[in-house]
């Protein structure tokens, strides 16, 4: 059991919050990778039913490749090129609408989520920085 911290003691180390933009973009891409898996299953099933004349290996290769690329991009969102990769990876599900229009609809929804995550995340991060600055200025110089 630890003793209570006195009022004049330094504050406990509080871990910094992760940037909201990072959280939003990683979440969108991770969920989109699952959507890519389900889209692959749909296209594979329609191919087996005779709706498409596509090689199952091609369907699985492209689908799983997209899923892995989305998962990888999710982990690279701290880097500038990772964000750019996220933009590029919005296209394949939109293009897949040529085969199944519902996949393009889902891809469009993820594109809207991606843009929203970037816009709201950057706004939240900016407001957090302004609040931290205001709190620091309100504390004034340390007496010592």
Protein backbone atom coordinates (compact mmCIF):
# COMPACT_ATOMS: atom_id res chain seq x y z
CA UNK A 1 0.00 0.00 0.00
CA UNK A 2 1.36 3.44 -0.89
CA UNK A 3 1.05 6.60 1.10
CA UNK A 4 -1.08 9.44 -0.22
CA UNK A 5 0.81 12.01 -2.23
CA UNK A 6 1.21 15.36 -0.42
CA UNK A 7 -0.39 18.43 -2.00
CA UNK A 8 2.95 20.09 -2.79
CA UNK A 9 4.51 17.01 -4.43
CA UNK A 10 5.16 16.81 -8.16
CA UNK A 11 2.28 15.30 -10.12
CA UNK A 12 2.45 11.63 -10.97
CA UNK A 13 3.73 10.77 -14.43
CA UNK A 14 0.65 10.53 -16.57
CA UNK A 15 1.20 8.85 -19.92
CA UNK A 16 0.53 11.12 -22.89
CA UNK A 17 -2.58 10.43 -24.88
CA UNK A 18 -2.04 8.95 -28.31
CA UNK A 19 -2.84 11.41 -31.09
CA UNK A 20 -6.49 11.14 -32.12
CA UNK A 21 -5.55 11.15 -35.81
CA UNK A 22 -3.36 8.11 -35.23
CA UNK A 23 -6.10 6.25 -33.37
CA UNK A 24 -8.74 7.04 -35.99
CA UNK A 25 -6.62 6.18 -39.04
CA UNK A 26 -5.31 2.96 -37.53
CA UNK A 27 -8.81 1.87 -36.60
CA UNK A 28 -10.28 2.62 -40.02
CA UNK A 29 -7.54 0.71 -41.84
CA UNK A 30 -7.69 -2.26 -39.45
CA UNK A 31 -11.45 -2.54 -39.88
CA UNK A 32 -11.08 -2.09 -43.62
CA UNK A 33 -8.68 -5.04 -43.71
CA UNK A 34 -11.45 -7.19 -42.23
CA UNK A 35 -13.88 -5.83 -44.82
CA UNK A 36 -11.36 -6.81 -47.53
CA UNK A 37 -11.35 -10.37 -46.16
CA UNK A 38 -15.14 -10.54 -46.28
CA UNK A 39 -15.18 -9.00 -49.77
CA UNK A 40 -12.72 -11.69 -50.86
CA UNK A 41 -15.03 -14.36 -49.50
CA UNK A 42 -17.96 -12.84 -51.40
CA UNK A 43 -16.07 -12.70 -54.71
CA UNK A 44 -14.75 -16.23 -54.18
CA UNK A 45 -18.26 -17.52 -53.44
CA UNK A 46 -19.71 -15.79 -56.50
CA UNK A 47 -16.88 -17.22 -58.58
CA UNK A 48 -17.68 -20.72 -57.34
CA UNK A 49 -21.34 -20.12 -58.16
CA UNK A 50 -20.37 -19.34 -61.76
CA UNK A 51 -20.96 -15.58 -61.64
CA UNK A 52 -17.33 -14.85 -62.56
CA UNK A 53 -14.74 -16.65 -64.60
CA UNK A 54 -11.81 -15.79 -62.34
CA UNK A 55 -9.11 -18.07 -61.03
CA UNK A 56 -9.68 -18.73 -57.30
CA UNK A 57 -5.93 -18.30 -56.70
CA UNK A 58 -6.11 -14.82 -58.21
CA UNK A 59 -9.13 -13.92 -56.07
CA UNK A 60 -7.44 -15.09 -52.87
CA UNK A 61 -4.06 -13.60 -53.80
CA UNK A 62 -5.46 -10.14 -54.51
CA UNK A 63 -7.88 -10.24 -51.57
CA UNK A 64 -5.40 -11.43 -48.98
CA UNK A 65 -2.74 -9.12 -50.40
CA UNK A 66 -5.08 -6.16 -49.92
CA UNK A 67 -5.93 -7.34 -46.42
CA UNK A 68 -2.26 -7.60 -45.45
CA UNK A 69 -1.46 -4.24 -47.07
CA UNK A 70 -4.28 -2.55 -45.11
CA UNK A 71 -3.08 -4.14 -41.87
CA UNK A 72 0.48 -3.06 -42.59
CA UNK A 73 -0.62 0.49 -43.42
CA UNK A 74 -2.55 0.57 -40.15
CA UNK A 75 0.69 -0.03 -38.28
CA UNK A 76 2.57 2.64 -40.25
CA UNK A 77 0.27 5.59 -39.54
CA UNK A 78 2.89 7.40 -37.44
CA UNK A 79 4.90 7.96 -40.62
CA UNK A 80 3.98 10.41 -43.37
CA UNK A 81 4.25 7.75 -46.08
CA UNK A 82 2.00 5.47 -44.02
CA UNK A 83 -0.77 8.06 -44.25
CA UNK A 84 -0.20 8.32 -48.01
CA UNK A 85 -0.34 4.53 -48.28
CA UNK A 86 -3.68 4.67 -46.47
CA UNK A 87 -4.98 7.05 -49.13
CA UNK A 88 -3.79 4.77 -51.95
CA UNK A 89 -5.35 1.69 -50.33
CA UNK A 90 -8.77 3.31 -50.42
CA UNK A 91 -8.88 2.70 -54.19
CA UNK A 92 -8.92 -1.11 -54.53
CA UNK A 93 -12.27 -1.59 -52.82
CA UNK A 94 -13.80 1.18 -54.94
CA UNK A 95 -12.43 -0.47 -58.09
CA UNK A 96 -13.75 -3.86 -56.95
CA UNK A 97 -17.20 -2.40 -57.55
CA UNK A 98 -16.72 -3.49 -61.17
CA UNK A 99 -17.25 -7.06 -59.97
CA UNK A 100 -19.62 -6.49 -57.06
CA UNK A 101 -21.19 -3.04 -56.68
CA UNK A 102 -21.79 -3.64 -52.96
CA UNK A 103 -18.02 -3.78 -52.39
CA UNK A 104 -17.67 -0.31 -53.94
CA UNK A 105 -20.41 0.91 -51.60
CA UNK A 106 -18.52 -0.47 -48.60
CA UNK A 107 -15.28 0.98 -49.98
CA UNK A 108 -17.01 4.35 -50.28
CA UNK A 109 -18.13 4.16 -46.67
CA UNK A 110 -14.57 3.43 -45.58
CA UNK A 111 -13.34 6.36 -47.67
CA UNK A 112 -15.80 8.63 -45.85
CA UNK A 113 -14.61 7.19 -42.50
CA UNK A 114 -10.97 7.76 -43.56
CA UNK A 115 -11.56 11.40 -44.45
CA UNK A 116 -13.62 11.96 -41.31
CA UNK A 117 -10.95 10.35 -39.15
CA UNK A 118 -8.27 12.57 -40.63
CA UNK A 119 -10.31 15.77 -40.27
CA UNK A 120 -11.71 15.14 -36.80
CA UNK A 121 -8.47 13.62 -35.54
CA UNK A 122 -6.43 16.63 -36.60
CA UNK A 123 -9.00 18.97 -35.04
CA UNK A 124 -8.93 17.04 -31.75
CA UNK A 125 -5.11 16.98 -31.75
CA UNK A 126 -4.98 20.74 -32.43
CA UNK A 127 -7.46 21.46 -29.61
CA UNK A 128 -5.51 19.23 -27.21
CA UNK A 129 -2.31 21.14 -28.03
CA UNK A 130 -4.07 24.48 -27.48
CA UNK A 131 -5.44 23.27 -24.14
CA UNK A 132 -2.02 22.04 -23.00
CA UNK A 133 -0.48 25.37 -23.95
CA UNK A 134 -3.19 27.29 -22.08
CA UNK A 135 -2.73 25.09 -19.00
CA UNK A 136 1.04 25.60 -19.10
CA UNK A 137 0.65 29.36 -19.40
CA UNK A 138 -1.94 29.41 -16.60
CA UNK A 139 0.49 27.67 -14.22
CA UNK A 140 2.98 30.49 -14.67
CA UNK A 141 6.67 30.30 -13.81
CA UNK A 142 7.62 27.68 -11.24
CA UNK A 143 8.48 29.09 -7.82
CA UNK A 144 11.58 27.53 -6.53
